[in-house]
PDB file of N, CA and C in Angstrom:
ATOM      1  N   MET A   1     -16.400  90.433 161.092  1.00  0.00           N
ATOM      2  CA  MET A   1     -17.023  89.269 160.107  1.00  0.00           C
ATOM      3  C   MET A   1     -18.410  88.766 160.303  1.00  0.00           C
ATOM      4  N   TYR A   2     -18.849  88.702 158.880  1.00  0.00           N
ATOM      5  CA  TYR A   2     -20.343  87.583 159.172  1.00  0.00           C
ATOM      6  C   TYR A   2     -20.348  86.618 158.590  1.00  0.00           C
ATOM      7  N   ILE A   3     -20.738  85.739 159.189  1.00  0.00           N
ATOM      8  CA  ILE A   3     -20.709  84.357 158.982  1.00  0.00           C
ATOM      9  C   ILE A   3     -21.716  83.767 158.766  1.00  0.00           C
ATOM     10  N   LEU A   4     -21.218  82.890 156.842  1.00  0.00           N
ATOM     11  CA  LEU A   4     -22.501  82.826 156.174  1.00  0.00           C
ATOM     12  C   LEU A   4     -22.250  81.022 156.530  1.00  0.00           C
ATOM     13  N   SER A   5     -21.531  80.464 156.205  1.00  0.00           N
ATOM     14  CA  SER A   5     -21.775  79.138 156.525  1.00  0.00           C
ATOM     15  C   SER A   5     -20.829  78.506 158.039  1.00  0.00           C
ATOM     16  N   SER A   6     -20.962  77.331 158.417  1.00  0.00           N
ATOM     17  CA  SER A   6     -20.484  76.380 158.955  1.00  0.00           C
ATOM     18  C   SER A   6     -20.818  77.238 160.837  1.00  0.00           C
ATOM     19  N   ARG A   7     -19.805  76.530 161.413  1.00  0.00           N
ATOM     20  CA  ARG A   7     -19.690  76.538 162.713  1.00  0.00           C
ATOM     21  C   ARG A   7     -18.484  77.233 163.218  1.00  0.00           C
ATOM     22  N   MET A   8     -17.893  78.297 163.727  1.00  0.00           N
ATOM     23  CA  MET A   8     -16.377  78.672 163.904  1.00  0.00           C
ATOM     24  C   MET A   8     -16.622  79.225 165.052  1.00  0.00           C
ATOM     25  N   GLU A   9     -15.040  78.590 165.730  1.00  0.00           N
ATOM     26  CA  GLU A   9     -14.467  79.242 166.883  1.00  0.00           C
ATOM     27  C   GLU A   9     -13.807  80.220 167.011  1.00  0.00           C
ATOM     28  N   VAL A  10     -14.177  81.951 167.535  1.00  0.00           N
ATOM     29  CA  VAL A  10     -12.875  82.578 167.035  1.00  0.00           C
ATOM     30  C   VAL A  10     -12.433  83.304 168.984  1.00  0.00           C
ATOM     31  N   THR A  11     -11.156  83.068 168.317  1.00  0.00           N
ATOM     32  CA  THR A  11     -10.311  83.419 169.630  1.00  0.00           C
ATOM     33  C   THR A  11     -10.151  84.463 169.351  1.00  0.00           C
ATOM     34  N   SER A  12      -9.773  85.910 170.400  1.00  0.00           N
ATOM     35  CA  SER A  12      -8.952  86.705 170.326  1.00  0.00           C
ATOM     36  C   SER A  12      -7.955  86.872 171.646  1.00  0.00           C
ATOM     37  N   TYR A  13      -6.556  86.994 171.569  1.00  0.00           N
ATOM     38  CA  TYR A  13      -5.110  87.342 172.360  1.00  0.00           C
ATOM     39  C   TYR A  13      -5.047  87.800 172.532  1.00  0.00           C
ATOM     40  N   ASP A  14      -4.547  88.402 174.036  1.00  0.00           N
ATOM     41  CA  ASP A  14      -3.587  89.349 174.649  1.00  0.00           C
ATOM     42  C   ASP A  14      -2.351  89.425 173.864  1.00  0.00           C
ATOM     43  N   PRO A  15      -2.169  90.530 172.742  1.00  0.00           N
ATOM     44  CA  PRO A  15      -0.921  90.840 172.042  1.00  0.00           C
ATOM     45  C   PRO A  15      -0.113  90.514 172.817  1.00  0.00           C
ATOM     46  N   LYS A  16       0.608  90.683 174.130  1.00  0.00           N
ATOM     47  CA  LYS A  16       1.792  90.855 174.959  1.00  0.00           C
ATOM     48  C   LYS A  16       1.861  89.639 175.776  1.00  0.00           C
ATOM     49  N   ALA A  17       0.692  89.236 176.234  1.00  0.00           N
ATOM     50  CA  ALA A  17       0.662  87.658 176.803  1.00  0.00           C
ATOM     51  C   ALA A  17       0.630  86.925 176.065  1.00  0.00           C
ATOM     52  N   ASP A  18      -0.105  86.741 174.595  1.00  0.00           N
ATOM     53  CA  ASP A  18      -0.017  85.489 174.302  1.00  0.00           C
ATOM     54  C   ASP A  18      -1.203  84.433 174.432  1.00  0.00           C
ATOM     55  N   GLU A  19      -1.808  85.524 175.013  1.00  0.00           N
ATOM     56  CA  GLU A  19      -3.058  84.209 176.152  1.00  0.00           C
ATOM     57  C   GLU A  19      -4.604  84.525 175.392  1.00  0.00           C
ATOM     58  N   LYS A  20      -4.921  83.909 175.755  1.00  0.00           N
ATOM     59  CA  LYS A  20      -6.648  83.929 175.480  1.00  0.00           C
ATOM     60  C   LYS A  20      -7.266  84.971 176.358  1.00  0.00           C
ATOM     61  N   VAL A  21      -8.162  85.644 175.348  1.00  0.00           N
ATOM     62  CA  VAL A  21      -8.593  86.941 176.128  1.00  0.00           C
ATOM     63  C   VAL A  21     -10.122  86.609 175.956  1.00  0.00           C
ATOM     64  N   GLN A  22     -10.627  85.863 174.852  1.00  0.00           N
ATOM     65  CA  GLN A  22     -11.927  85.941 174.751  1.00  0.00           C
ATOM     66  C   GLN A  22     -12.144  84.510 173.852  1.00  0.00           C
ATOM     67  N   GLU A  23     -12.922  84.054 173.768  1.00  0.00           N
ATOM     68  CA  GLU A  23     -13.505  82.481 172.748  1.00  0.00           C
ATOM     69  C   GLU A  23     -14.711  82.950 172.368  1.00  0.00           C
ATOM     70  N   LYS A  24     -15.618  82.897 171.534  1.00  0.00           N
ATOM     71  CA  LYS A  24     -16.996  82.868 170.746  1.00  0.00           C
ATOM     72  C   LYS A  24     -17.215  81.702 169.941  1.00  0.00           C
ATOM     73  N   ILE A  25     -18.415  80.715 169.999  1.00  0.00           N
ATOM     74  CA  ILE A  25     -18.648  80.085 169.301  1.00  0.00           C
ATOM     75  C   ILE A  25     -20.136  80.783 167.462  1.00  0.00           C
ATOM     76  N   THR A  26     -19.476  80.803 166.779  1.00  0.00           N
ATOM     77  CA  THR A  26     -20.416  81.696 165.600  1.00  0.00           C
ATOM     78  C   THR A  26     -20.991  80.541 164.478  1.00  0.00           C
ATOM     79  N   GLY A  27     -22.158  81.262 164.184  1.00  0.00           N
ATOM     80  CA  GLY A  27     -22.367  80.518 163.202  1.00  0.00           C
ATOM     81  C   GLY A  27     -23.314  81.040 161.881  1.00  0.00           C
ATOM     82  N   PRO A  28     -23.964  80.869 161.017  1.00  0.00           N
ATOM     83  CA  PRO A  28     -24.691  81.377 159.688  1.00  0.00           C
ATOM     84  C   PRO A  28     -25.580  82.884 160.413  1.00  0.00           C
ATOM     85  N   GLY A  29     -25.387  84.188 159.684  1.00  0.00           N
ATOM     86  CA  GLY A  29     -25.963  85.036 160.170  1.00  0.00           C
ATOM     87  C   GLY A  29     -25.051  85.937 161.657  1.00  0.00           C
ATOM     88  N   ASP A  30     -24.354  84.941 162.249  1.00  0.00           N
ATOM     89  CA  ASP A  30     -23.733  85.882 163.296  1.00  0.00           C
ATOM     90  C   ASP A  30     -22.466  86.787 162.665  1.00  0.00           C
ATOM     91  N   PHE A  31     -22.316  88.029 163.647  1.00  0.00           N
ATOM     92  CA  PHE A  31     -21.870  88.907 163.406  1.00  0.00           C
ATOM     93  C   PHE A  31     -20.486  89.602 164.384  1.00  0.00           C
ATOM     94  N   ILE A  32     -18.931  88.930 164.262  1.00  0.00           N
ATOM     95  CA  ILE A  32     -18.190  89.650 165.290  1.00  0.00           C
ATOM     96  C   ILE A  32     -17.220  90.783 164.688  1.00  0.00           C
ATOM     97  N   PHE A  33     -17.363  91.517 165.644  1.00  0.00           N
ATOM     98  CA  PHE A  33     -15.792  92.570 165.505  1.00  0.00           C
ATOM     99  C   PHE A  33     -14.940  92.292 166.462  1.00  0.00           C
ATOM    100  N   ILE A  34     -13.730  92.431 165.380  1.00  0.00           N
ATOM    101  CA  ILE A  34     -12.168  92.725 165.696  1.00  0.00           C
ATOM    102  C   ILE A  34     -11.937  93.152 165.223  1.00  0.00           C
ATOM    103  N   PRO A  35     -11.324  94.176 166.177  1.00  0.00           N
ATOM    104  CA  PRO A  35     -10.308  95.399 165.905  1.00  0.00           C
ATOM    105  C   PRO A  35      -9.046  95.495 165.045  1.00  0.00           C
ATOM    106  N   SER A  36      -8.834  96.358 164.523  1.00  0.00           N
ATOM    107  CA  SER A  36      -7.604  95.964 163.742  1.00  0.00           C
ATOM    108  C   SER A  36      -6.944  95.941 164.069  1.00  0.00           C
ATOM    109  N   MET A  37      -5.896  94.954 163.673  1.00  0.00           N
ATOM    110  CA  MET A  37      -4.471  94.735 164.517  1.00  0.00           C
ATOM    111  C   MET A  37      -4.357  93.818 165.200  1.00  0.00           C
ATOM    112  N   GLU A  38      -5.951  92.841 165.758  1.00  0.00           N
ATOM    113  CA  GLU A  38      -5.437  92.234 167.026  1.00  0.00           C
ATOM    114  C   GLU A  38      -5.267  90.779 166.973  1.00  0.00           C
ATOM    115  N   ALA A  39      -4.526  90.302 167.697  1.00  0.00           N
ATOM    116  CA  ALA A  39      -3.698  88.954 166.654  1.00  0.00           C
ATOM    117  C   ALA A  39      -5.849  88.145 167.379  1.00  0.00           C
ATOM    118  N   HIS A  40      -5.749  87.197 166.447  1.00  0.00           N
ATOM    119  CA  HIS A  40      -7.118  86.464 167.000  1.00  0.00           C
ATOM    120  C   HIS A  40      -7.240  84.955 165.542  1.00  0.00           C
ATOM    121  N   SER A  41      -7.610  84.098 166.347  1.00  0.00           N
ATOM    122  CA  SER A  41      -7.941  83.312 165.214  1.00  0.00           C
ATOM    123  C   SER A  41      -8.966  82.549 165.365  1.00  0.00           C
ATOM    124  N   MET A  42      -8.913  81.355 164.065  1.00  0.00           N
ATOM    125  CA  MET A  42     -10.501  81.281 163.852  1.00  0.00           C
ATOM    126  C   MET A  42     -10.653  79.500 163.298  1.00  0.00           C
ATOM    127  N   ILE A  43     -11.390  78.900 164.276  1.00  0.00           N
ATOM    128  CA  ILE A  43     -11.356  77.521 163.884  1.00  0.00           C
ATOM    129  C   ILE A  43     -12.880  76.770 162.973  1.00  0.00           C
ATOM    130  N   ASN A  44     -12.755  76.499 162.240  1.00  0.00           N
ATOM    131  CA  ASN A  44     -14.401  75.452 161.191  1.00  0.00           C
ATOM    132  C   ASN A  44     -14.469  74.640 162.153  1.00  0.00           C
ATOM    133  N   LEU A  45     -15.513  74.217 163.166  1.00  0.00           N
ATOM    134  CA  LEU A  45     -15.972  73.710 163.833  1.00  0.00           C
ATOM    135  C   LEU A  45     -16.957  71.985 163.224  1.00  0.00           C
ATOM    136  N   SER A  46     -16.800  72.391 161.910  1.00  0.00           N
ATOM    137  CA  SER A  46     -17.633  71.072 160.818  1.00  0.00           C
ATOM    138  C   SER A  46     -16.455  70.253 160.299  1.00  0.00           C
ATOM    139  N   ASN A  47     -16.454  69.373 159.849  1.00  0.00           N
ATOM    140  CA  ASN A  47     -15.511  68.232 159.343  1.00  0.00           C
ATOM    141  C   ASN A  47     -16.852  67.765 157.842  1.00  0.00           C
ATOM    142  N   THR A  48     -17.897  68.997 157.687  1.00  0.00           N
ATOM    143  CA  THR A  48     -18.140  68.348 156.517  1.00  0.00           C
ATOM    144  C   THR A  48     -18.726  70.004 155.509  1.00  0.00           C
ATOM    145  N   GLU A  49     -18.604  70.940 156.122  1.00  0.00           N
ATOM    146  CA  GLU A  49     -19.314  72.016 155.489  1.00  0.00           C
ATOM    147  C   GLU A  49     -18.117  73.017 156.105  1.00  0.00           C
ATOM    148  N   ASN A  50     -17.471  73.280 154.450  1.00  0.00           N
ATOM    149  CA  ASN A  50     -16.418  74.245 154.721  1.00  0.00           C
ATOM    150  C   ASN A  50     -16.726  75.757 155.220  1.00  0.00           C
ATOM    151  N   ALA A  51     -16.331  76.391 155.892  1.00  0.00           N
ATOM    152  CA  ALA A  51     -16.534  77.836 156.430  1.00  0.00           C
ATOM    153  C   ALA A  51     -16.398  78.966 155.374  1.00  0.00           C
ATOM    154  N   THR A  52     -17.622  79.941 155.467  1.00  0.00           N
ATOM    155  CA  THR A  52     -17.338  80.745 154.667  1.00  0.00           C
ATOM    156  C   THR A  52     -17.942  82.197 155.434  1.00  0.00           C
ATOM    157  N   PHE A  53     -16.982  83.479 155.110  1.00  0.00           N
ATOM    158  CA  PHE A  53     -17.772  84.509 155.677  1.00  0.00           C
ATOM    159  C   PHE A  53     -17.187  85.659 155.093  1.00  0.00           C
ATOM    160  N   LEU A  54     -17.399  87.020 155.519  1.00  0.00           N
ATOM    161  CA  LEU A  54     -17.329  88.346 154.812  1.00  0.00           C
ATOM    162  C   LEU A  54     -16.534  89.429 155.772  1.00  0.00           C
ATOM    163  N   CYS A  55     -15.301  89.487 155.370  1.00  0.00           N
ATOM    164  CA  CYS A  55     -14.227  90.036 156.273  1.00  0.00           C
ATOM    165  C   CYS A  55     -13.946  91.328 155.691  1.00  0.00           C
ATOM    166  N   CYS A  56     -14.278  92.186 155.986  1.00  0.00           N
ATOM    167  CA  CYS A  56     -13.988  93.935 155.704  1.00  0.00           C
ATOM    168  C   CYS A  56     -13.102  94.209 156.928  1.00  0.00           C
ATOM    169  N   ILE A  57     -12.270  95.077 155.468  1.00  0.00           N
ATOM    170  CA  ILE A  57     -11.061  95.855 156.660  1.00  0.00           C
ATOM    171  C   ILE A  57     -10.951  96.911 156.308  1.00  0.00           C
ATOM    172  N   ALA A  58     -10.985  97.650 157.826  1.00  0.00           N
ATOM    173  CA  ALA A  58     -10.527  99.453 157.402  1.00  0.00           C
ATOM    174  C   ALA A  58      -9.063  99.915 157.573  1.00  0.00           C
ATOM    175  N   ASN A  59      -8.874 100.833 156.559  1.00  0.00           N
ATOM    176  CA  ASN A  59      -7.234 100.911 156.343  1.00  0.00           C
ATOM    177  C   ASN A  59      -6.780 101.383 157.819  1.00  0.00           C
ATOM    178  N   VAL A  60      -6.036 100.443 158.189  1.00  0.00           N
ATOM    179  CA  VAL A  60      -4.892 100.716 159.261  1.00  0.00           C
ATOM    180  C   VAL A  60      -3.679 101.338 159.784  1.00  0.00           C
ATOM    181  N   TYR A  61      -3.303 101.893 158.581  1.00  0.00           N
ATOM    182  CA  TYR A  61      -1.808 102.928 158.286  1.00  0.00           C
ATOM    183  C   TYR A  61      -2.649 104.231 157.512  1.00  0.00           C
ATOM    184  N   GLU A  62      -2.258 105.260 159.134  1.00  0.00           N
ATOM    185  CA  GLU A  62      -2.822 106.382 159.330  1.00  0.00           C
ATOM    186  C   GLU A  62      -2.186 107.290 158.327  1.00  0.00           C
ATOM    187  N   ASP A  63      -0.846 106.810 157.922  1.00  0.00           N
ATOM    188  CA  ASP A  63       0.011 107.759 156.959  1.00  0.00           C
ATOM    189  C   ASP A  63      -0.741 107.711 155.142  1.00  0.00           C
ATOM    190  N   GLU A  64      -1.628 106.915 155.000  1.00  0.00           N
ATOM    191  CA  GLU A  64      -1.802 106.577 153.614  1.00  0.00           C
ATOM    192  C   GLU A  64      -3.239 107.197 153.332  1.00  0.00           C
ATOM    193  N   THR A  65      -3.144 107.925 152.671  1.00  0.00           N
ATOM    194  CA  THR A  65      -4.918 108.242 151.576  1.00  0.00           C
ATOM    195  C   THR A  65      -5.092 108.001 150.582  1.00  0.00           C
ATOM    196  N   ILE A  66      -6.568 107.957 150.353  1.00  0.00           N
ATOM    197  CA  ILE A  66      -6.462 107.532 148.722  1.00  0.00           C
ATOM    198  C   ILE A  66      -6.890 108.503 147.998  1.00  0.00           C
TER     199      ILE A  66
END
């Protein structure tokens, strides 16, 4: 994800234990990589600014081809 506006808290989780693995604070101009199908959450830390980000998702289904 490429953060365009606002500050966000991005958290990744262990898929088996549902526990926080890593937490990062991001802001405009930051890039954050989240592997396909990894459990994660995002929270906008601003009360006044909308969070905007660009998200590019790769094909996660090996059986499908274009």
